[in-house]
Each structure stands twice: as structure tokens, then as C-alpha cells.
């Protein structure tokens, strides 16, 4: 199973798995990030509208996460998202 994130504009992103940061940085327009996982992840970003998210090519609405201090947190759970 693969999580794929695609930036439609420059966007900061942090991905946490099991309390460890597995990615933190800026994705640029058109840049893609892939992560092979079946683990629960926390996806954090300021601009969820600038990021398209897919899990095994199925679209995920990360904009439905919770906002805290202007950052959106989306809890990604593969067993619930497929």
C-alpha cells in the first residue's frame, strides 16, 4: 500500500508515524512524495488545498482534518481510509 502526496503549489508538510517524524519539508509545485505504509500516520500542513493525497490511487480528503494553531492535522488510518 502506497500513500502518495502531490503538491499543486509550494506547501510545507510534516508526516509523523509512531511519534517519529518521517518527513518534514516543502513540496514544490508538481513534486510528489511516496510512502509505502500500512501504519497510522499524522499528516500536518498549513495548506491542505495545495496537496492532493492518494492511498493506493484512491483520493483522500486531507482537508477534513482538525485545525490547531493554523495547522491542519489529518490522522491517516489505512484500515479506515480504504
PDB file of N, CA and C in Angstrom:
ATOM      1  N   UNK A   1       0.826  -1.198   0.000  1.00  0.00           N
ATOM      2  CA  UNK A   1       0.000   0.000   0.000  1.00  0.00           C
ATOM      3  C   UNK A   1       0.868   1.258   0.000  1.00  0.00           C
ATOM      4  N   UNK A   2       0.534   2.218  -0.857  1.00  0.00           N
ATOM      5  CA  UNK A   2       1.353   3.414  -1.013  1.00  0.00           C
ATOM      6  C   UNK A   2       0.518   4.672  -0.781  1.00  0.00           C
ATOM      7  N   UNK A   3       1.046   5.560   0.072  1.00  0.00           N
ATOM      8  CA  UNK A   3       0.478   6.888   0.258  1.00  0.00           C
ATOM      9  C   UNK A   3       1.216   7.811  -0.700  1.00  0.00           C
ATOM     10  N   UNK A   4       0.473   8.569  -1.504  1.00  0.00           N
ATOM     11  CA  UNK A   4       1.091   9.481  -2.472  1.00  0.00           C
ATOM     12  C   UNK A   4       0.553  10.879  -2.229  1.00  0.00           C
ATOM     13  N   UNK A   5       1.458  11.843  -2.102  1.00  0.00           N
ATOM     14  CA  UNK A   5       1.095  13.243  -1.932  1.00  0.00           C
ATOM     15  C   UNK A   5       1.674  14.027  -3.098  1.00  0.00           C
ATOM     16  N   UNK A   6       0.851  14.877  -3.710  1.00  0.00           N
ATOM     17  CA  UNK A   6       1.284  15.682  -4.853  1.00  0.00           C
ATOM     18  C   UNK A   6       0.983  17.142  -4.545  1.00  0.00           C
ATOM     19  N   UNK A   7       1.990  17.993  -4.680  1.00  0.00           N
ATOM     20  CA  UNK A   7       1.808  19.420  -4.421  1.00  0.00           C
ATOM     21  C   UNK A   7       1.332  20.129  -5.682  1.00  0.00           C
ATOM     22  N   UNK A   8       0.285  20.943  -5.540  1.00  0.00           N
ATOM     23  CA  UNK A   8      -0.179  21.760  -6.661  1.00  0.00           C
ATOM     24  C   UNK A   8       0.400  23.169  -6.569  1.00  0.00           C
ATOM     25  N   UNK A   9       1.112  23.435  -5.496  1.00  0.00           N
ATOM     26  CA  UNK A   9       1.810  24.690  -5.262  1.00  0.00           C
ATOM     27  C   UNK A   9       2.795  24.411  -4.129  1.00  0.00           C
ATOM     28  N   UNK A  10       3.663  25.344  -3.847  1.00  0.00           N
ATOM     29  CA  UNK A  10       4.622  25.134  -2.766  1.00  0.00           C
ATOM     30  C   UNK A  10       3.867  24.987  -1.442  1.00  0.00           C
ATOM     31  N   UNK A  11       4.163  23.924  -0.684  1.00  0.00           N
ATOM     32  CA  UNK A  11       3.462  23.675   0.572  1.00  0.00           C
ATOM     33  C   UNK A  11       4.368  22.957   1.564  1.00  0.00           C
ATOM     34  N   UNK A  12       4.339  23.436   2.804  1.00  0.00           N
ATOM     35  CA  UNK A  12       5.076  22.784   3.887  1.00  0.00           C
ATOM     36  C   UNK A  12       4.265  21.594   4.374  1.00  0.00           C
ATOM     37  N   UNK A  13       4.966  20.527   4.747  1.00  0.00           N
ATOM     38  CA  UNK A  13       4.311  19.282   5.114  1.00  0.00           C
ATOM     39  C   UNK A  13       5.145  18.553   6.159  1.00  0.00           C
ATOM     40  N   UNK A  14       4.454  17.957   7.135  1.00  0.00           N
ATOM     41  CA  UNK A  14       5.125  17.094   8.114  1.00  0.00           C
ATOM     42  C   UNK A  14       4.308  15.812   8.217  1.00  0.00           C
ATOM     43  N   UNK A  15       4.999  14.675   8.213  1.00  0.00           N
ATOM     44  CA  UNK A  15       4.332  13.381   8.362  1.00  0.00           C
ATOM     45  C   UNK A  15       4.961  12.674   9.557  1.00  0.00           C
ATOM     46  N   UNK A  16       4.091  12.239  10.481  1.00  0.00           N
ATOM     47  CA  UNK A  16       4.540  11.581  11.705  1.00  0.00           C
ATOM     48  C   UNK A  16       3.969  10.172  11.745  1.00  0.00           C
ATOM     49  N   UNK A  17       4.805   9.211  12.119  1.00  0.00           N
ATOM     50  CA  UNK A  17       4.376   7.827  12.286  1.00  0.00           C
ATOM     51  C   UNK A  17       4.968   7.300  13.585  1.00  0.00           C
ATOM     52  N   UNK A  18       4.119   6.785  14.447  1.00  0.00           N
ATOM     53  CA  UNK A  18       4.560   6.232  15.728  1.00  0.00           C
ATOM     54  C   UNK A  18       5.460   7.214  16.479  1.00  0.00           C
ATOM     55  N   UNK A  19       5.017   8.482  16.559  1.00  0.00           N
ATOM     56  CA  UNK A  19       5.724   9.555  17.267  1.00  0.00           C
ATOM     57  C   UNK A  19       7.097   9.882  16.691  1.00  0.00           C
ATOM     58  N   UNK A  20       7.357   9.488  15.446  1.00  0.00           N
ATOM     59  CA  UNK A  20       8.615   9.826  14.775  1.00  0.00           C
ATOM     60  C   UNK A  20       8.302  10.608  13.505  1.00  0.00           C
ATOM     61  N   UNK A  21       9.077  11.655  13.258  1.00  0.00           N
ATOM     62  CA  UNK A  21       8.917  12.426  12.024  1.00  0.00           C
ATOM     63  C   UNK A  21       9.547  11.625  10.891  1.00  0.00           C
ATOM     64  N   UNK A  22       8.727  11.268   9.901  1.00  0.00           N
ATOM     65  CA  UNK A  22       9.279  10.522   8.765  1.00  0.00           C
ATOM     66  C   UNK A  22       9.521  11.438   7.570  1.00  0.00           C
ATOM     67  N   UNK A  23       8.879  12.617   7.584  1.00  0.00           N
ATOM     68  CA  UNK A  23       9.153  13.621   6.553  1.00  0.00           C
ATOM     69  C   UNK A  23       8.759  14.979   7.099  1.00  0.00           C
ATOM     70  N   UNK A  24       9.610  15.969   6.880  1.00  0.00           N
ATOM     71  CA  UNK A  24       9.254  17.355   7.152  1.00  0.00           C
ATOM     72  C   UNK A  24       9.992  18.203   6.142  1.00  0.00           C
ATOM     73  N   UNK A  25       9.237  18.975   5.379  1.00  0.00           N
ATOM     74  CA  UNK A  25       9.867  19.814   4.380  1.00  0.00           C
ATOM     75  C   UNK A  25       8.844  20.470   3.482  1.00  0.00           C
ATOM     76  N   UNK A  26       9.334  21.061   2.429  1.00  0.00           N
ATOM     77  CA  UNK A  26       8.483  21.767   1.475  1.00  0.00           C
ATOM     78  C   UNK A  26       8.402  20.951   0.195  1.00  0.00           C
ATOM     79  N   UNK A  27       7.182  20.713  -0.238  1.00  0.00           N
ATOM     80  CA  UNK A  27       6.966  20.127  -1.561  1.00  0.00           C
ATOM     81  C   UNK A  27       6.713  21.284  -2.517  1.00  0.00           C
ATOM     82  N   UNK A  28       7.323  21.234  -3.679  1.00  0.00           N
ATOM     83  CA  UNK A  28       7.153  22.286  -4.670  1.00  0.00           C
ATOM     84  C   UNK A  28       6.134  21.860  -5.716  1.00  0.00           C
ATOM     85  N   UNK A  29       5.638  22.810  -6.471  1.00  0.00           N
ATOM     86  CA  UNK A  29       4.602  22.560  -7.474  1.00  0.00           C
ATOM     87  C   UNK A  29       4.959  21.360  -8.350  1.00  0.00           C
ATOM     88  N   UNK A  30       4.075  20.369  -8.364  1.00  0.00           N
ATOM     89  CA  UNK A  30       4.286  19.174  -9.171  1.00  0.00           C
ATOM     90  C   UNK A  30       5.119  18.095  -8.505  1.00  0.00           C
ATOM     91  N   UNK A  31       5.728  18.407  -7.373  1.00  0.00           N
ATOM     92  CA  UNK A  31       6.560  17.421  -6.679  1.00  0.00           C
ATOM     93  C   UNK A  31       5.674  16.370  -6.010  1.00  0.00           C
ATOM     94  N   UNK A  32       6.155  15.136  -6.023  1.00  0.00           N
ATOM     95  CA  UNK A  32       5.399  14.028  -5.440  1.00  0.00           C
ATOM     96  C   UNK A  32       6.200  13.394  -4.314  1.00  0.00           C
ATOM     97  N   UNK A  33       5.481  12.947  -3.294  1.00  0.00           N
ATOM     98  CA  UNK A  33       6.087  12.241  -2.170  1.00  0.00           C
ATOM     99  C   UNK A  33       5.364  10.912  -2.033  1.00  0.00           C
ATOM    100  N   UNK A  34       6.121   9.827  -1.971  1.00  0.00           N
ATOM    101  CA  UNK A  34       5.548   8.484  -1.849  1.00  0.00           C
ATOM    102  C   UNK A  34       6.003   7.864  -0.535  1.00  0.00           C
ATOM    103  N   UNK A  35       5.103   7.152   0.115  1.00  0.00           N
ATOM    104  CA  UNK A  35       5.460   6.446   1.336  1.00  0.00           C
ATOM    105  C   UNK A  35       4.719   5.127   1.352  1.00  0.00           C
ATOM    106  N   UNK A  36       5.475   4.035   1.338  1.00  0.00           N
ATOM    107  CA  UNK A  36       4.857   2.712   1.396  1.00  0.00           C
ATOM    108  C   UNK A  36       4.567   2.404   2.856  1.00  0.00           C
ATOM    109  N   UNK A  37       3.287   2.239   3.184  1.00  0.00           N
ATOM    110  CA  UNK A  37       2.926   2.072   4.583  1.00  0.00           C
ATOM    111  C   UNK A  37       1.581   1.388   4.767  1.00  0.00           C
ATOM    112  N   UNK A  38       1.463   0.732   5.889  1.00  0.00           N
ATOM    113  CA  UNK A  38       0.160   0.268   6.348  1.00  0.00           C
ATOM    114  C   UNK A  38      -0.033   0.740   7.788  1.00  0.00           C
ATOM    115  N   UNK A  39       0.756   1.749   8.181  1.00  0.00           N
ATOM    116  CA  UNK A  39       0.719   2.301   9.533  1.00  0.00           C
ATOM    117  C   UNK A  39      -0.176   3.531   9.588  1.00  0.00           C
ATOM    118  N   UNK A  40      -0.593   3.860  10.806  1.00  0.00           N
ATOM    119  CA  UNK A  40      -1.337   5.094  11.031  1.00  0.00           C
ATOM    120  C   UNK A  40      -0.351   6.254  10.940  1.00  0.00           C
ATOM    121  N   UNK A  41      -0.714   7.298  10.201  1.00  0.00           N
ATOM    122  CA  UNK A  41       0.142   8.467  10.024  1.00  0.00           C
ATOM    123  C   UNK A  41      -0.609   9.721  10.438  1.00  0.00           C
ATOM    124  N   UNK A  42       0.148  10.735  10.836  1.00  0.00           N
ATOM    125  CA  UNK A  42      -0.418  12.054  11.070  1.00  0.00           C
ATOM    126  C   UNK A  42       0.173  12.964  10.003  1.00  0.00           C
ATOM    127  N   UNK A  43      -0.684  13.568   9.194  1.00  0.00           N
ATOM    128  CA  UNK A  43      -0.253  14.470   8.127  1.00  0.00           C
ATOM    129  C   UNK A  43      -0.571  15.887   8.585  1.00  0.00           C
ATOM    130  N   UNK A  44       0.447  16.750   8.640  1.00  0.00           N
ATOM    131  CA  UNK A  44       0.283  18.113   9.131  1.00  0.00           C
ATOM    132  C   UNK A  44       0.736  19.078   8.041  1.00  0.00           C
ATOM    133  N   UNK A  45      -0.089  20.095   7.775  1.00  0.00           N
ATOM    134  CA  UNK A  45       0.251  21.090   6.761  1.00  0.00           C
ATOM    135  C   UNK A  45      -0.499  22.383   7.042  1.00  0.00           C
ATOM    136  N   UNK A  46       0.003  23.483   6.496  1.00  0.00           N
ATOM    137  CA  UNK A  46      -0.709  24.756   6.588  1.00  0.00           C
ATOM    138  C   UNK A  46      -1.731  24.893   5.468  1.00  0.00           C
ATOM    139  N   UNK A  47      -1.473  24.279   4.343  1.00  0.00           N
ATOM    140  CA  UNK A  47      -2.290  24.489   3.152  1.00  0.00           C
ATOM    141  C   UNK A  47      -2.760  23.172   2.548  1.00  0.00           C
ATOM    142  N   UNK A  48      -3.784  22.547   3.129  1.00  0.00           N
ATOM    143  CA  UNK A  48      -4.249  21.257   2.598  1.00  0.00           C
ATOM    144  C   UNK A  48      -4.798  21.349   1.181  1.00  0.00           C
ATOM    145  N   UNK A  49      -5.251  22.536   0.765  1.00  0.00           N
ATOM    146  CA  UNK A  49      -5.788  22.672  -0.591  1.00  0.00           C
ATOM    147  C   UNK A  49      -4.691  22.609  -1.647  1.00  0.00           C
ATOM    148  N   UNK A  50      -3.435  22.732  -1.234  1.00  0.00           N
ATOM    149  CA  UNK A  50      -2.314  22.675  -2.176  1.00  0.00           C
ATOM    150  C   UNK A  50      -1.729  21.274  -2.303  1.00  0.00           C
ATOM    151  N   UNK A  51      -2.341  20.299  -1.609  1.00  0.00           N
ATOM    152  CA  UNK A  51      -1.814  18.936  -1.617  1.00  0.00           C
ATOM    153  C   UNK A  51      -2.909  17.952  -1.991  1.00  0.00           C
ATOM    154  N   UNK A  52      -2.636  17.154  -3.008  1.00  0.00           N
ATOM    155  CA  UNK A  52      -3.529  16.053  -3.365  1.00  0.00           C
ATOM    156  C   UNK A  52      -2.977  14.808  -2.685  1.00  0.00           C
ATOM    157  N   UNK A  53      -3.860  14.032  -2.053  1.00  0.00           N
ATOM    158  CA  UNK A  53      -3.421  12.833  -1.339  1.00  0.00           C
ATOM    159  C   UNK A  53      -4.150  11.612  -1.881  1.00  0.00           C
ATOM    160  N   UNK A  54      -3.389  10.529  -2.029  1.00  0.00           N
ATOM    161  CA  UNK A  54      -3.953   9.269  -2.534  1.00  0.00           C
ATOM    162  C   UNK A  54      -3.391   8.110  -1.722  1.00  0.00           C
ATOM    163  N   UNK A  55      -4.216   7.115  -1.491  1.00  0.00           N
ATOM    164  CA  UNK A  55      -3.758   5.873  -0.881  1.00  0.00           C
ATOM    165  C   UNK A  55      -4.141   4.764  -1.836  1.00  0.00           C
ATOM    166  N   UNK A  56      -3.142   4.103  -2.403  1.00  0.00           N
ATOM    167  CA  UNK A  56      -3.362   3.100  -3.455  1.00  0.00           C
ATOM    168  C   UNK A  56      -4.275   3.647  -4.554  1.00  0.00           C
ATOM    169  N   UNK A  57      -3.967   4.864  -4.999  1.00  0.00           N
ATOM    170  CA  UNK A  57      -4.670   5.564  -6.083  1.00  0.00           C
ATOM    171  C   UNK A  57      -6.107   5.958  -5.755  1.00  0.00           C
ATOM    172  N   UNK A  58      -6.546   5.805  -4.494  1.00  0.00           N
ATOM    173  CA  UNK A  58      -7.856   6.294  -4.063  1.00  0.00           C
ATOM    174  C   UNK A  58      -7.646   7.654  -3.405  1.00  0.00           C
ATOM    175  N   UNK A  59      -8.414   8.658  -3.836  1.00  0.00           N
ATOM    176  CA  UNK A  59      -8.272  10.009  -3.308  1.00  0.00           C
ATOM    177  C   UNK A  59      -8.627  10.070  -1.820  1.00  0.00           C
ATOM    178  N   UNK A  60      -7.861  10.870  -1.074  1.00  0.00           N
ATOM    179  CA  UNK A  60      -8.100  11.094   0.353  1.00  0.00           C
ATOM    180  C   UNK A  60      -8.335  12.588   0.549  1.00  0.00           C
ATOM    181  N   UNK A  61      -9.351  12.951   1.314  1.00  0.00           N
ATOM    182  CA  UNK A  61      -9.649  14.355   1.609  1.00  0.00           C
ATOM    183  C   UNK A  61      -8.929  14.767   2.889  1.00  0.00           C
ATOM    184  N   UNK A  62      -7.658  15.181   2.780  1.00  0.00           N
ATOM    185  CA  UNK A  62      -6.929  15.552   3.992  1.00  0.00           C
ATOM    186  C   UNK A  62      -7.447  16.862   4.578  1.00  0.00           C
ATOM    187  N   UNK A  63      -8.194  17.643   3.809  1.00  0.00           N
ATOM    188  CA  UNK A  63      -8.776  18.881   4.315  1.00  0.00           C
ATOM    189  C   UNK A  63      -9.819  18.657   5.388  1.00  0.00           C
ATOM    190  N   UNK A  64     -10.219  17.407   5.604  1.00  0.00           N
ATOM    191  CA  UNK A  64     -11.219  17.091   6.622  1.00  0.00           C
ATOM    192  C   UNK A  64     -10.594  16.862   7.995  1.00  0.00           C
ATOM    193  N   UNK A  65      -9.340  17.226   8.154  1.00  0.00           N
ATOM    194  CA  UNK A  65      -8.672  17.068   9.445  1.00  0.00           C
ATOM    195  C   UNK A  65      -9.072  18.173  10.405  1.00  0.00           C
ATOM    196  N   UNK A  66      -8.371  18.273  11.518  1.00  0.00           N
ATOM    197  CA  UNK A  66      -8.651  19.297  12.518  1.00  0.00           C
ATOM    198  C   UNK A  66      -7.597  20.391  12.443  1.00  0.00           C
ATOM    199  N   UNK A  67      -8.017  21.633  12.720  1.00  0.00           N
ATOM    200  CA  UNK A  67      -7.110  22.775  12.655  1.00  0.00           C
ATOM    201  C   UNK A  67      -6.728  23.188  14.073  1.00  0.00           C
ATOM    202  N   UNK A  68      -5.423  23.366  14.294  1.00  0.00           N
ATOM    203  CA  UNK A  68      -4.906  23.791  15.589  1.00  0.00           C
ATOM    204  C   UNK A  68      -3.743  24.737  15.327  1.00  0.00           C
ATOM    205  N   UNK A  69      -3.845  25.971  15.809  1.00  0.00           N
ATOM    206  CA  UNK A  69      -2.800  26.979  15.579  1.00  0.00           C
ATOM    207  C   UNK A  69      -2.470  27.128  14.098  1.00  0.00           C
ATOM    208  N   UNK A  70      -3.478  27.213  13.275  1.00  0.00           N
ATOM    209  CA  UNK A  70      -3.359  27.419  11.825  1.00  0.00           C
ATOM    210  C   UNK A  70      -2.775  26.227  11.074  1.00  0.00           C
ATOM    211  N   UNK A  71      -2.543  25.117  11.750  1.00  0.00           N
ATOM    212  CA  UNK A  71      -2.038  23.915  11.086  1.00  0.00           C
ATOM    213  C   UNK A  71      -3.142  22.875  11.034  1.00  0.00           C
ATOM    214  N   UNK A  72      -3.282  22.246   9.882  1.00  0.00           N
ATOM    215  CA  UNK A  72      -4.266  21.183   9.740  1.00  0.00           C
ATOM    216  C   UNK A  72      -3.606  19.849  10.070  1.00  0.00           C
ATOM    217  N   UNK A  73      -4.257  19.063  10.908  1.00  0.00           N
ATOM    218  CA  UNK A  73      -3.771  17.719  11.232  1.00  0.00           C
ATOM    219  C   UNK A  73      -4.784  16.719  10.709  1.00  0.00           C
ATOM    220  N   UNK A  74      -4.312  15.801   9.896  1.00  0.00           N
ATOM    221  CA  UNK A  74      -5.166  14.744   9.360  1.00  0.00           C
ATOM    222  C   UNK A  74      -4.610  13.413   9.832  1.00  0.00           C
ATOM    223  N   UNK A  75      -5.416  12.666  10.563  1.00  0.00           N
ATOM    224  CA  UNK A  75      -4.998  11.344  11.028  1.00  0.00           C
ATOM    225  C   UNK A  75      -5.343  10.322   9.962  1.00  0.00           C
ATOM    226  N   UNK A  76      -4.313   9.784   9.343  1.00  0.00           N
ATOM    227  CA  UNK A  76      -4.477   8.816   8.265  1.00  0.00           C
ATOM    228  C   UNK A  76      -4.397   7.414   8.846  1.00  0.00           C
ATOM    229  N   UNK A  77      -5.458   6.655   8.688  1.00  0.00           N
ATOM    230  CA  UNK A  77      -5.504   5.277   9.164  1.00  0.00           C
ATOM    231  C   UNK A  77      -5.839   4.388   7.975  1.00  0.00           C
ATOM    232  N   UNK A  78      -4.879   3.615   7.478  1.00  0.00           N
ATOM    233  CA  UNK A  78      -5.104   2.799   6.275  1.00  0.00           C
ATOM    234  C   UNK A  78      -6.318   1.884   6.374  1.00  0.00           C
ATOM    235  N   UNK A  79      -6.605   1.369   7.552  1.00  0.00           N
ATOM    236  CA  UNK A  79      -7.741   0.450   7.664  1.00  0.00           C
ATOM    237  C   UNK A  79      -9.069   1.177   7.554  1.00  0.00           C
ATOM    238  N   UNK A  80      -9.088   2.479   7.845  1.00  0.00           N
ATOM    239  CA  UNK A  80     -10.319   3.257   7.730  1.00  0.00           C
ATOM    240  C   UNK A  80     -10.414   3.997   6.408  1.00  0.00           C
ATOM    241  N   UNK A  81      -9.280   4.256   5.757  1.00  0.00           N
ATOM    242  CA  UNK A  81      -9.269   5.071   4.550  1.00  0.00           C
ATOM    243  C   UNK A  81      -9.475   4.284   3.268  1.00  0.00           C
ATOM    244  N   UNK A  82      -9.467   2.965   3.318  1.00  0.00           N
ATOM    245  CA  UNK A  82      -9.649   2.200   2.085  1.00  0.00           C
ATOM    246  C   UNK A  82     -11.068   1.716   1.946  1.00  0.00           C
TER     247      UNK A  82
END
